[in-house]
Structures are given as C-alpha cells and as structure tokens.
Amino acid sequence: LLESWSFLDSVESNFRPLVVIELAKGTKEETIEWLTKRIVDKKANGGAQLLIKPLVTENGVENIYLVGASHLRLLLGAETVGLVKECNDNSMRTFTYSSRKTFKHFADDNHNFLTMAECQYIIKHELENLRAKNEKMIPGYPQAKLYPGKSIVRRLLTSGILVQIFPLHDREELKKLSHSWYGRVKVGYQPLDDIRCYFGETIALYFGFLEYFTFALIPMAVIGIPYYVFAWEDYDKYVMFATFNLLWSTVILEVWKRICAILTYRWGTLLMKRQFEEPRPGFHGVLGINPVTGREEPVYSSIKRQLRIYLVSLPFVCLCLYFSLYVMMIYFDLEQWALDYHEENESNFSSLMLYVPSIIYAVVIEVMNRIYRYAAEFLTSWGKKGVPSS
C-alpha cells in the first residue's frame, strides 16, 4: 500500500468532479490557498491527496470548488474506509488494493468498479478527516484557533468560512436512473441496485422499505374492506380482524429484517468493519499514536472523558429529572386547587379555570422540552469529544 501511495504522487490525470465545496463570499486568498494546498498535499504531509479546481462561471470565480480524485486514489481510499466488495468466488470481503484482481468486475480501466455514491463517500471521508498539523489558527482568521489533530473542515464550518460541502449530481446518470425508476408507467419493483449506486445504501434501503411495506399492506387492506363497508353487530369479527392485524404486523417486521439483511449483505454494508475507522470530525484530542493501529491520530484521555460523564452529564440529568417531577407535582396541586375552586363557586369562570392548569402545564412542558433538547445535544457533543467513533 505504501508503494501504491508513492506511485500516486507522480500520477497526474483529469478528474471527475464529485464533491462541491462552497466558501463564504469574501474569503481571504491566503485561506483559500492554504485549504487547497492541504487538500492536494500528500498523505505523508497530512494532506488528503485529492484534486481540486475552482468553478469558473460567467461572473468569474464564485468561491465554489470542485473536488475529485484519480481512479487510483479512489481505490486506495476504498481500502482506507473499508469498503466491502464481491469477489470472484461470490464471497464478500473488505477491498484491498494489493488483491484488487480477485474482486469481481475489477479492471484497471474500469472506472465504474466503485459506484458514484462510494466515490463521493470516500472523498467526503478524506475531507472530514483532514486535520491540522502544526497550525495554530486558520491563515487569515486569527480568531479561528487550531491545534494538532483538530478537524479542519469542522473548524471552517463553525467559523463560517466554509458554507457547505455537498455531493455533485451527474446529469446523465440521473437521467438514466429516472427513466428506469419513475420515467415510465410500469408495474414492477424499483431498481434498488441502481438507486444504491447513485444515492447510496441509506437512500436505497429507505425506498426498499417503502416498496416492501406497500406490498405488505395489501393483505390487510383486502381483508379490511368488508369491515369498512359493512357495519357488523357481531363484535367477534372485529376481534378476529384485530388479531390478524397484530399477527401480520409482527410477521411483516420479521420478514423485513431478513430482506434488509439480504440487501445490506449484497451491498457490502453488513460486513463493513468500523473498529479501526478514523475518529469522527468532532473528536476532541491532540495528535498521538493509536496503540491498536499504530497510526497517528487524535487521542484523548479516557479518565477525562469519564470525569466529564460522571461529574457533569450524570448530575445534570438527575437534576433535570428532579425538576421535571417537581413541575409535575405543582401541576397536580394546581389541578386540585382548580377542582376545589369550581366546587365552591359553580360558575362559568370556575369552569374555565379547570382548563388553566392543563394549559400552563402544556406550555411549561413545551418550553422544558426545547431546553432539554438543546442541553442534551450540547452535553452529548461535549461529553463525546473524547469518543473516537460516531
């Protein structure tokens, strides 16, 4: 693999744009130069070793940059992220560049060996794991602090320098997919494999579930039509229908689990190894040596992480639970007060007062939900800064 990376240093080729980076308007030139250099720099120097070029329009450069990679770079990236591909013996194994000839449909000139979604995933992975080396700040922005191991993309996003990163559409591929998917009226299954190749496994599984669930509801709909049309007085028939719905809902969920496992195995996501994946972009830690893989990556003290959880997060959760119970007891007291007031006065105003505790409680619950949600997101991000996987 090291020899392959060395060979890649000398490869110069036109690339297929796959990912778009949009920078904020007015981004300083020195920042753009530094970022592009880090993206194209060698892996040995801490770069992503990708290809990038600005998008030039009629109005000139719009701070939009197209990112891609050579075919060899994508193959090496596939090994890095642990993509699982089908071998010539019909087994599924993690792709390695050294044994690339053993994988089905592989050829040096076959640029379709990796799907478009896989190529975009590789580039996104490399960009998100582009980390600072010796930089103390983002050039041109002294307020945007950096330290060795900090995710560059994440800092750019939080500083407002980077607006967004998104995958690029391929009009020809999208046109072919739309024609086979919904461009013509037909009765049949969706092209899930084509959807997976273009949009990725997650989107394909979503539409696969919608398709399966639609067909699974047909027996329930057919049997339920007589119950909807006729108003039967024999309630035993409704009990039978309810029992059938209960059993059928259990069956269709179990069958979906099997179908889902088949699809994920065929697409290679069921076997993807994540125990050696690189730390997530939000991982907080300085550069060090991973004792398992031997690679240089951000590390964080497990003792500090446990202290954050047990001395801050856990007490805060307990405090929130106590406050919730306290508010609930106040609601019960208000409700009892409203009942006593109504019994004493028996007026229209006292009748309206019966609804006041519930209205107040509903408003308080909504406000507390918003506060708790924000606190939960903050504590999860803060408490997991020392957790290497997402």
Protein backbone atom coordinates (compact mmCIF):
# COMPACT_ATOMS: atom_id res chain seq x y z
CA LEU A 1 0.00 0.00 0.00
CA LEU A 2 2.86 2.38 0.76
CA GLU A 3 4.29 1.71 -2.70
CA SER A 4 0.89 2.50 -4.19
CA TRP A 5 0.74 5.83 -2.38
CA SER A 6 4.24 6.61 -3.61
CA PHE A 7 3.23 5.82 -7.17
CA LEU A 8 0.19 8.06 -6.78
CA ASP A 9 2.47 11.03 -6.10
CA SER A 10 3.55 11.02 -9.72
CA VAL A 11 0.12 10.46 -11.26
CA GLU A 12 -1.45 13.46 -12.94
CA SER A 13 -4.83 12.95 -14.54
CA ASN A 14 -8.05 14.74 -15.26
CA PHE A 15 -10.61 14.01 -12.62
CA ARG A 16 -14.36 13.67 -12.45
CA PRO A 17 -15.85 16.32 -10.12
CA LEU A 18 -17.73 14.53 -7.34
CA VAL A 19 -17.99 16.90 -4.38
CA VAL A 20 -18.56 20.65 -4.16
CA ILE A 21 -17.04 22.95 -1.55
CA GLU A 22 -18.64 26.37 -1.14
CA LEU A 23 -16.69 29.01 0.74
CA ALA A 24 -18.15 32.20 2.13
CA LYS A 25 -18.03 35.27 -0.05
CA GLY A 26 -15.02 37.39 0.69
CA THR A 27 -12.92 34.51 1.95
CA LYS A 28 -9.31 35.65 2.05
CA GLU A 29 -6.93 34.45 -0.63
CA GLU A 30 -4.38 33.13 1.84
CA THR A 31 -7.10 30.97 3.42
CA ILE A 32 -8.11 29.56 0.04
CA GLU A 33 -4.50 28.86 -0.90
CA TRP A 34 -3.86 27.12 2.42
CA LEU A 35 -7.01 24.99 2.18
CA THR A 36 -6.42 23.93 -1.41
CA LYS A 37 -2.82 23.08 -0.59
CA ARG A 38 -3.92 20.87 2.30
CA ILE A 39 -6.45 19.12 0.07
CA VAL A 40 -3.97 18.32 -2.72
CA ASP A 41 -0.97 17.72 -0.47
CA LYS A 42 0.44 14.22 0.02
CA LYS A 43 -0.92 11.94 2.70
CA ALA A 44 2.56 11.76 4.20
CA ASN A 45 2.42 15.51 4.77
CA GLY A 46 -1.04 15.40 6.34
CA GLY A 47 -2.96 16.24 3.16
CA ALA A 48 -5.89 14.47 1.55
CA GLN A 49 -4.09 13.92 -1.77
CA LEU A 50 -7.22 14.82 -3.74
CA LEU A 51 -7.75 17.01 -6.78
CA ILE A 52 -9.47 20.38 -6.64
CA LYS A 53 -10.20 23.19 -9.04
CA PRO A 54 -12.33 26.37 -8.85
CA LEU A 55 -15.66 26.59 -10.63
CA VAL A 56 -15.37 29.40 -13.14
CA THR A 57 -18.65 30.98 -14.30
CA GLU A 58 -19.53 33.94 -16.47
CA ASN A 59 -19.03 36.17 -13.43
CA GLY A 60 -15.63 34.66 -12.69
CA VAL A 61 -14.65 32.54 -9.71
CA GLU A 62 -17.56 32.22 -7.25
CA ASN A 63 -15.71 30.70 -4.28
CA ILE A 64 -17.05 27.31 -5.32
CA TYR A 65 -14.57 24.49 -5.76
CA LEU A 66 -14.95 21.06 -7.33
CA VAL A 67 -13.21 18.17 -5.63
CA GLY A 68 -12.41 14.81 -7.17
CA ALA A 69 -9.73 12.18 -7.25
CA SER A 70 -7.90 9.96 -9.69
CA HIS A 71 -9.03 6.37 -10.14
CA LEU A 72 -6.04 5.06 -8.21
CA ARG A 73 -6.67 7.48 -5.35
CA LEU A 74 -10.26 6.29 -5.07
CA LEU A 75 -9.16 2.65 -4.97
CA LEU A 76 -6.70 3.40 -2.18
CA GLY A 77 -9.40 5.35 -0.41
CA ALA A 78 -11.75 2.38 -0.70
CA GLU A 79 -9.26 0.33 1.28
CA THR A 80 -8.90 3.10 3.85
CA VAL A 81 -12.64 3.35 4.56
CA GLY A 82 -13.06 -0.45 4.50
CA LEU A 83 -15.47 -0.86 1.59
CA VAL A 84 -16.72 -4.44 1.16
CA LYS A 85 -16.92 -5.73 -2.43
CA GLU A 86 -17.86 -9.02 -4.06
CA CYS A 87 -15.02 -11.36 -5.01
CA ASN A 88 -14.77 -13.70 -7.99
CA ASP A 89 -15.75 -16.62 -5.74
CA ASN A 90 -19.01 -14.77 -4.84
CA SER A 91 -17.86 -14.07 -1.29
CA MET A 92 -17.89 -10.60 0.25
CA ARG A 93 -14.58 -9.25 1.54
CA THR A 94 -13.07 -5.93 2.51
CA PHE A 95 -11.41 -4.38 -0.52
CA THR A 96 -7.63 -4.21 -0.53
CA TYR A 97 -5.61 -2.69 -3.31
CA SER A 98 -2.99 -5.42 -3.25
CA SER A 99 -5.60 -8.11 -4.01
CA ARG A 100 -7.73 -5.99 -6.34
CA LYS A 101 -7.59 -8.58 -9.14
CA THR A 102 -9.58 -11.04 -7.04
CA PHE A 103 -12.66 -8.80 -6.93
CA LYS A 104 -15.48 -9.21 -9.39
CA HIS A 105 -15.75 -6.72 -12.27
CA PHE A 106 -12.40 -5.15 -11.41
CA ALA A 107 -10.17 -3.92 -14.22
CA ASP A 108 -7.55 -1.20 -14.33
CA ASP A 109 -9.55 0.65 -16.98
CA ASN A 110 -12.96 0.03 -15.36
CA HIS A 111 -13.76 3.29 -13.64
CA ASN A 112 -17.22 2.00 -12.71
CA PHE A 113 -15.87 -0.57 -10.26
CA LEU A 114 -16.67 1.89 -7.48
CA THR A 115 -20.16 3.35 -7.58
CA MET A 116 -20.71 7.09 -7.66
CA ALA A 117 -22.01 7.02 -4.08
CA GLU A 118 -18.91 5.13 -2.92
CA CYS A 119 -16.58 7.61 -4.62
CA GLN A 120 -18.36 10.54 -3.03
CA TYR A 121 -18.27 8.80 0.35
CA ILE A 122 -14.51 8.30 0.06
CA ILE A 123 -13.90 11.96 -0.79
CA LYS A 124 -16.22 13.12 2.00
CA HIS A 125 -14.38 10.85 4.44
CA GLU A 126 -10.99 12.22 3.40
CA LEU A 127 -12.13 15.84 3.66
CA GLU A 128 -13.73 15.37 7.07
CA ASN A 129 -10.60 13.69 8.40
CA LEU A 130 -8.28 16.40 7.14
CA ARG A 131 -6.68 17.54 10.38
CA ALA A 132 -4.38 20.32 11.49
CA LYS A 133 -0.71 19.52 11.96
CA ASN A 134 1.28 22.42 13.36
CA GLU A 135 -1.15 25.24 12.56
CA LYS A 136 -2.29 27.40 15.47
CA MET A 137 -5.02 29.12 13.51
CA ILE A 138 -6.63 29.26 10.09
CA PRO A 139 -4.48 31.56 7.93
CA GLY A 140 -6.18 34.91 7.57
CA TYR A 141 -8.50 34.32 10.53
CA PRO A 142 -6.63 34.58 13.86
CA GLN A 143 -9.86 34.05 15.81
CA ALA A 144 -10.32 30.57 14.27
CA LYS A 145 -7.97 28.63 16.51
CA LEU A 146 -6.46 25.27 15.58
CA TYR A 147 -4.39 22.68 17.38
CA PRO A 148 -2.72 19.47 16.15
CA GLY A 149 -5.46 16.94 15.43
CA LYS A 150 -8.35 19.38 15.08
CA SER A 151 -10.65 18.74 12.10
CA ILE A 152 -10.01 21.50 9.57
CA VAL A 153 -13.42 21.17 7.90
CA ARG A 154 -15.25 21.35 11.21
CA ARG A 155 -13.35 24.48 12.26
CA LEU A 156 -14.06 26.10 8.88
CA LEU A 157 -17.77 25.34 9.29
CA THR A 158 -18.03 26.67 12.83
CA SER A 159 -16.10 29.79 11.83
CA GLY A 160 -18.44 30.50 8.91
CA ILE A 161 -15.62 30.30 6.36
CA LEU A 162 -16.96 27.11 4.82
CA VAL A 163 -20.61 27.36 3.87
CA GLN A 164 -21.31 23.77 2.87
CA ILE A 165 -19.99 20.57 1.33
CA PHE A 166 -22.31 18.52 -0.84
CA PRO A 167 -22.12 15.78 -3.50
CA LEU A 168 -22.42 16.72 -7.14
CA HIS A 169 -25.10 15.30 -9.43
CA ASP A 170 -24.28 13.53 -12.68
CA ARG A 171 -26.99 14.57 -15.13
CA GLU A 172 -26.51 11.62 -17.48
CA GLU A 173 -26.56 9.05 -14.67
CA LEU A 174 -29.52 10.79 -13.04
CA LYS A 175 -31.41 10.77 -16.35
CA LYS A 176 -30.84 7.03 -16.76
CA LEU A 177 -31.93 6.37 -13.20
CA SER A 178 -35.07 8.47 -13.52
CA HIS A 179 -36.04 6.66 -16.72
CA SER A 180 -35.72 3.21 -15.15
CA TRP A 181 -37.25 4.32 -11.85
CA TYR A 182 -40.21 6.62 -12.46
CA GLY A 183 -39.85 7.95 -16.01
CA ARG A 184 -42.31 5.47 -17.47
CA VAL A 185 -45.52 3.92 -16.24
CA LYS A 186 -44.99 0.31 -15.29
CA VAL A 187 -45.94 -2.23 -12.66
CA GLY A 188 -42.88 -3.71 -11.05
CA TYR A 189 -40.20 -3.38 -8.45
CA GLN A 190 -37.96 -0.36 -8.04
CA PRO A 191 -34.37 -0.54 -9.33
CA LEU A 192 -32.90 -0.63 -5.82
CA ASP A 193 -29.41 -1.55 -7.03
CA ASP A 194 -29.33 1.46 -9.35
CA ILE A 195 -30.65 3.72 -6.59
CA ARG A 196 -27.94 2.40 -4.28
CA CYS A 197 -25.21 3.03 -6.84
CA TYR A 198 -26.26 6.65 -7.30
CA PHE A 199 -27.61 7.75 -3.92
CA GLY A 200 -26.02 5.25 -1.56
CA GLU A 201 -27.22 2.41 0.64
CA THR A 202 -29.20 4.52 3.11
CA ILE A 203 -31.49 6.04 0.48
CA ALA A 204 -31.85 2.69 -1.30
CA LEU A 205 -32.89 0.98 1.94
CA TYR A 206 -35.43 3.73 2.57
CA PHE A 207 -37.14 3.22 -0.78
CA GLY A 208 -36.78 -0.53 -0.41
CA PHE A 209 -38.70 -0.38 2.86
CA LEU A 210 -41.42 1.81 1.31
CA GLU A 211 -41.81 -0.70 -1.51
CA TYR A 212 -41.93 -3.68 0.83
CA PHE A 213 -44.32 -2.00 3.26
CA THR A 214 -46.70 -1.03 0.46
CA PHE A 215 -46.96 -4.64 -0.73
CA ALA A 216 -47.21 -5.87 2.87
CA LEU A 217 -50.28 -3.70 3.49
CA ILE A 218 -52.23 -5.23 0.60
CA PRO A 219 -53.49 -8.31 2.55
CA MET A 220 -54.56 -6.09 5.45
CA ALA A 221 -56.37 -3.74 3.06
CA VAL A 222 -58.17 -6.58 1.25
CA ILE A 223 -59.36 -8.20 4.46
CA GLY A 224 -60.28 -4.82 5.96
CA ILE A 225 -62.58 -3.73 3.10
CA PRO A 226 -65.61 -5.76 4.33
CA TYR A 227 -65.13 -4.35 7.84
CA TYR A 228 -65.17 -0.84 6.40
CA VAL A 229 -68.18 -1.37 4.12
CA PHE A 230 -70.43 -3.36 6.45
CA ALA A 231 -71.33 -2.32 9.99
CA TRP A 232 -71.46 -5.70 11.68
CA GLU A 233 -73.07 -6.06 15.09
CA ASP A 234 -71.08 -9.20 15.84
CA TYR A 235 -68.02 -7.76 17.53
CA ASP A 236 -66.26 -11.13 17.42
CA LYS A 237 -65.50 -10.39 13.76
CA TYR A 238 -63.68 -7.20 14.76
CA VAL A 239 -61.71 -9.13 17.35
CA MET A 240 -60.65 -11.55 14.61
CA PHE A 241 -59.55 -8.66 12.39
CA ALA A 242 -57.62 -7.03 15.23
CA THR A 243 -55.91 -10.35 15.96
CA PHE A 244 -54.98 -10.73 12.30
CA ASN A 245 -53.52 -7.21 12.24
CA LEU A 246 -51.46 -7.96 15.32
CA LEU A 247 -50.04 -11.18 13.90
CA TRP A 248 -49.50 -9.76 10.41
CA SER A 249 -47.67 -6.67 11.70
CA THR A 250 -45.28 -8.94 13.58
CA VAL A 251 -44.73 -11.14 10.53
CA ILE A 252 -44.01 -8.28 8.13
CA LEU A 253 -41.45 -6.77 10.53
CA GLU A 254 -39.62 -10.07 10.88
CA VAL A 255 -39.65 -10.62 7.12
CA TRP A 256 -38.31 -7.08 6.58
CA LYS A 257 -35.40 -7.82 8.92
CA ARG A 258 -34.49 -10.74 6.68
CA ILE A 259 -34.84 -8.74 3.46
CA CYS A 260 -32.84 -5.88 4.99
CA ALA A 261 -30.05 -8.29 5.93
CA ILE A 262 -30.01 -9.70 2.39
CA LEU A 263 -29.75 -6.24 0.83
CA THR A 264 -27.07 -4.99 3.21
CA TYR A 265 -25.01 -8.14 2.71
CA ARG A 266 -25.27 -7.85 -1.05
CA TRP A 267 -24.28 -4.19 -0.91
CA GLY A 268 -21.39 -4.83 1.46
CA THR A 269 -22.56 -2.65 4.35
CA LEU A 270 -23.36 -5.55 6.66
CA LEU A 271 -19.71 -6.58 6.83
CA MET A 272 -18.05 -3.17 6.90
CA LYS A 273 -15.51 -3.09 9.71
CA ARG A 274 -15.66 0.04 11.81
CA GLN A 275 -13.44 -0.87 14.73
CA PHE A 276 -10.43 0.73 13.05
CA GLU A 277 -12.20 3.73 11.50
CA GLU A 278 -10.68 7.13 11.92
CA PRO A 279 -12.02 9.45 14.65
CA ARG A 280 -15.11 11.44 13.75
CA PRO A 281 -14.63 15.11 12.74
CA GLY A 282 -15.95 16.33 16.10
CA PHE A 283 -13.43 14.28 18.06
CA HIS A 284 -11.52 16.46 20.51
CA GLY A 285 -7.94 15.46 21.16
CA VAL A 286 -4.33 16.16 20.29
CA LEU A 287 -2.32 14.10 17.84
CA GLY A 288 -0.88 10.89 19.20
CA ILE A 289 -0.29 7.26 18.27
CA ASN A 290 -3.21 4.85 18.33
CA PRO A 291 -1.97 1.86 20.38
CA VAL A 292 -4.05 -0.58 18.29
CA THR A 293 -3.45 0.55 14.71
CA GLY A 294 -0.14 2.38 15.24
CA ARG A 295 -1.43 5.29 13.17
CA GLU A 296 -1.09 8.94 14.11
CA GLU A 297 -4.49 10.29 15.05
CA PRO A 298 -6.13 12.43 17.76
CA VAL A 299 -6.21 10.78 21.19
CA TYR A 300 -7.98 11.76 24.38
CA SER A 301 -7.59 10.59 27.96
CA SER A 302 -10.30 8.11 28.94
CA ILE A 303 -10.07 9.34 32.55
CA LYS A 304 -11.00 12.88 31.49
CA ARG A 305 -13.86 11.51 29.41
CA GLN A 306 -15.24 9.53 32.37
CA LEU A 307 -14.93 12.59 34.61
CA ARG A 308 -16.98 14.61 32.15
CA ILE A 309 -19.70 11.97 32.09
CA TYR A 310 -19.97 11.21 35.80
CA LEU A 311 -19.23 14.63 37.28
CA VAL A 312 -21.16 16.80 34.81
CA SER A 313 -23.52 14.92 32.49
CA LEU A 314 -24.93 12.47 35.04
CA PRO A 315 -25.59 15.06 37.79
CA PHE A 316 -27.23 17.34 35.22
CA VAL A 317 -29.55 14.55 34.06
CA CYS A 318 -30.51 13.77 37.67
CA LEU A 319 -31.19 17.47 38.29
CA CYS A 320 -33.43 17.61 35.19
CA LEU A 321 -35.37 14.56 36.40
CA TYR A 322 -35.88 16.14 39.81
CA PHE A 323 -37.05 19.40 38.23
CA SER A 324 -39.49 17.51 35.97
CA LEU A 325 -41.00 15.69 38.97
CA TYR A 326 -41.24 18.97 40.87
CA VAL A 327 -43.11 20.65 37.99
CA MET A 328 -45.46 17.66 37.77
CA MET A 329 -46.28 17.89 41.48
CA ILE A 330 -47.02 21.61 41.07
CA TYR A 331 -49.39 20.72 38.22
CA PHE A 332 -51.25 18.24 40.45
CA ASP A 333 -51.59 20.92 43.16
CA LEU A 334 -52.92 23.44 40.64
CA GLU A 335 -55.39 20.91 39.30
CA GLN A 336 -56.67 20.13 42.79
CA TRP A 337 -56.95 23.84 43.52
CA ALA A 338 -58.99 24.35 40.32
CA LEU A 339 -61.37 21.49 41.28
CA ASP A 340 -61.89 22.89 44.78
CA TYR A 341 -62.49 26.38 43.37
CA HIS A 342 -65.08 25.04 40.91
CA GLU A 343 -66.91 23.10 43.62
CA GLU A 344 -67.15 26.21 45.77
CA ASN A 345 -68.29 28.67 43.07
CA GLU A 346 -70.03 26.63 40.31
CA SER A 347 -69.76 29.45 37.73
CA ASN A 348 -68.70 29.81 34.11
CA PHE A 349 -65.45 31.36 35.25
CA SER A 350 -64.73 28.45 37.57
CA SER A 351 -65.44 26.04 34.70
CA LEU A 352 -62.84 27.82 32.59
CA MET A 353 -60.39 27.67 35.47
CA LEU A 354 -60.47 23.87 35.24
CA TYR A 355 -58.53 24.12 31.96
CA VAL A 356 -55.93 26.58 33.22
CA PRO A 357 -53.62 24.02 34.95
CA SER A 358 -53.51 21.84 31.82
CA ILE A 359 -52.76 24.83 29.59
CA ILE A 360 -49.98 26.06 31.90
CA TYR A 361 -48.56 22.55 32.15
CA ALA A 362 -48.58 22.09 28.36
CA VAL A 363 -46.73 25.39 27.85
CA VAL A 364 -44.18 24.56 30.55
CA ILE A 365 -43.62 21.09 29.07
CA GLU A 366 -43.01 22.54 25.60
CA VAL A 367 -40.52 25.08 26.98
CA MET A 368 -38.76 22.40 29.02
CA ASN A 369 -38.60 20.08 26.01
CA ARG A 370 -36.82 22.74 23.99
CA ILE A 371 -34.37 23.44 26.81
CA TYR A 372 -33.72 19.73 27.41
CA ARG A 373 -33.20 19.06 23.73
CA TYR A 374 -30.61 21.81 23.47
CA ALA A 375 -28.93 20.65 26.68
CA ALA A 376 -28.94 17.03 25.51
CA GLU A 377 -27.33 17.92 22.18
CA PHE A 378 -24.73 20.11 23.90
CA LEU A 379 -23.85 17.52 26.56
CA THR A 380 -23.71 14.71 24.01
CA SER A 381 -21.30 16.66 21.83
CA TRP A 382 -19.30 17.89 24.82
CA GLY A 383 -19.22 14.54 26.58
CA LYS A 384 -18.31 12.60 23.43
CA LYS A 385 -15.42 14.82 22.39
CA GLY A 386 -13.19 12.09 23.63
CA VAL A 387 -15.10 9.29 21.89
CA PRO A 388 -13.34 8.26 18.67
CA SER A 389 -16.29 6.84 16.75
CA SER A 390 -19.53 8.45 15.81
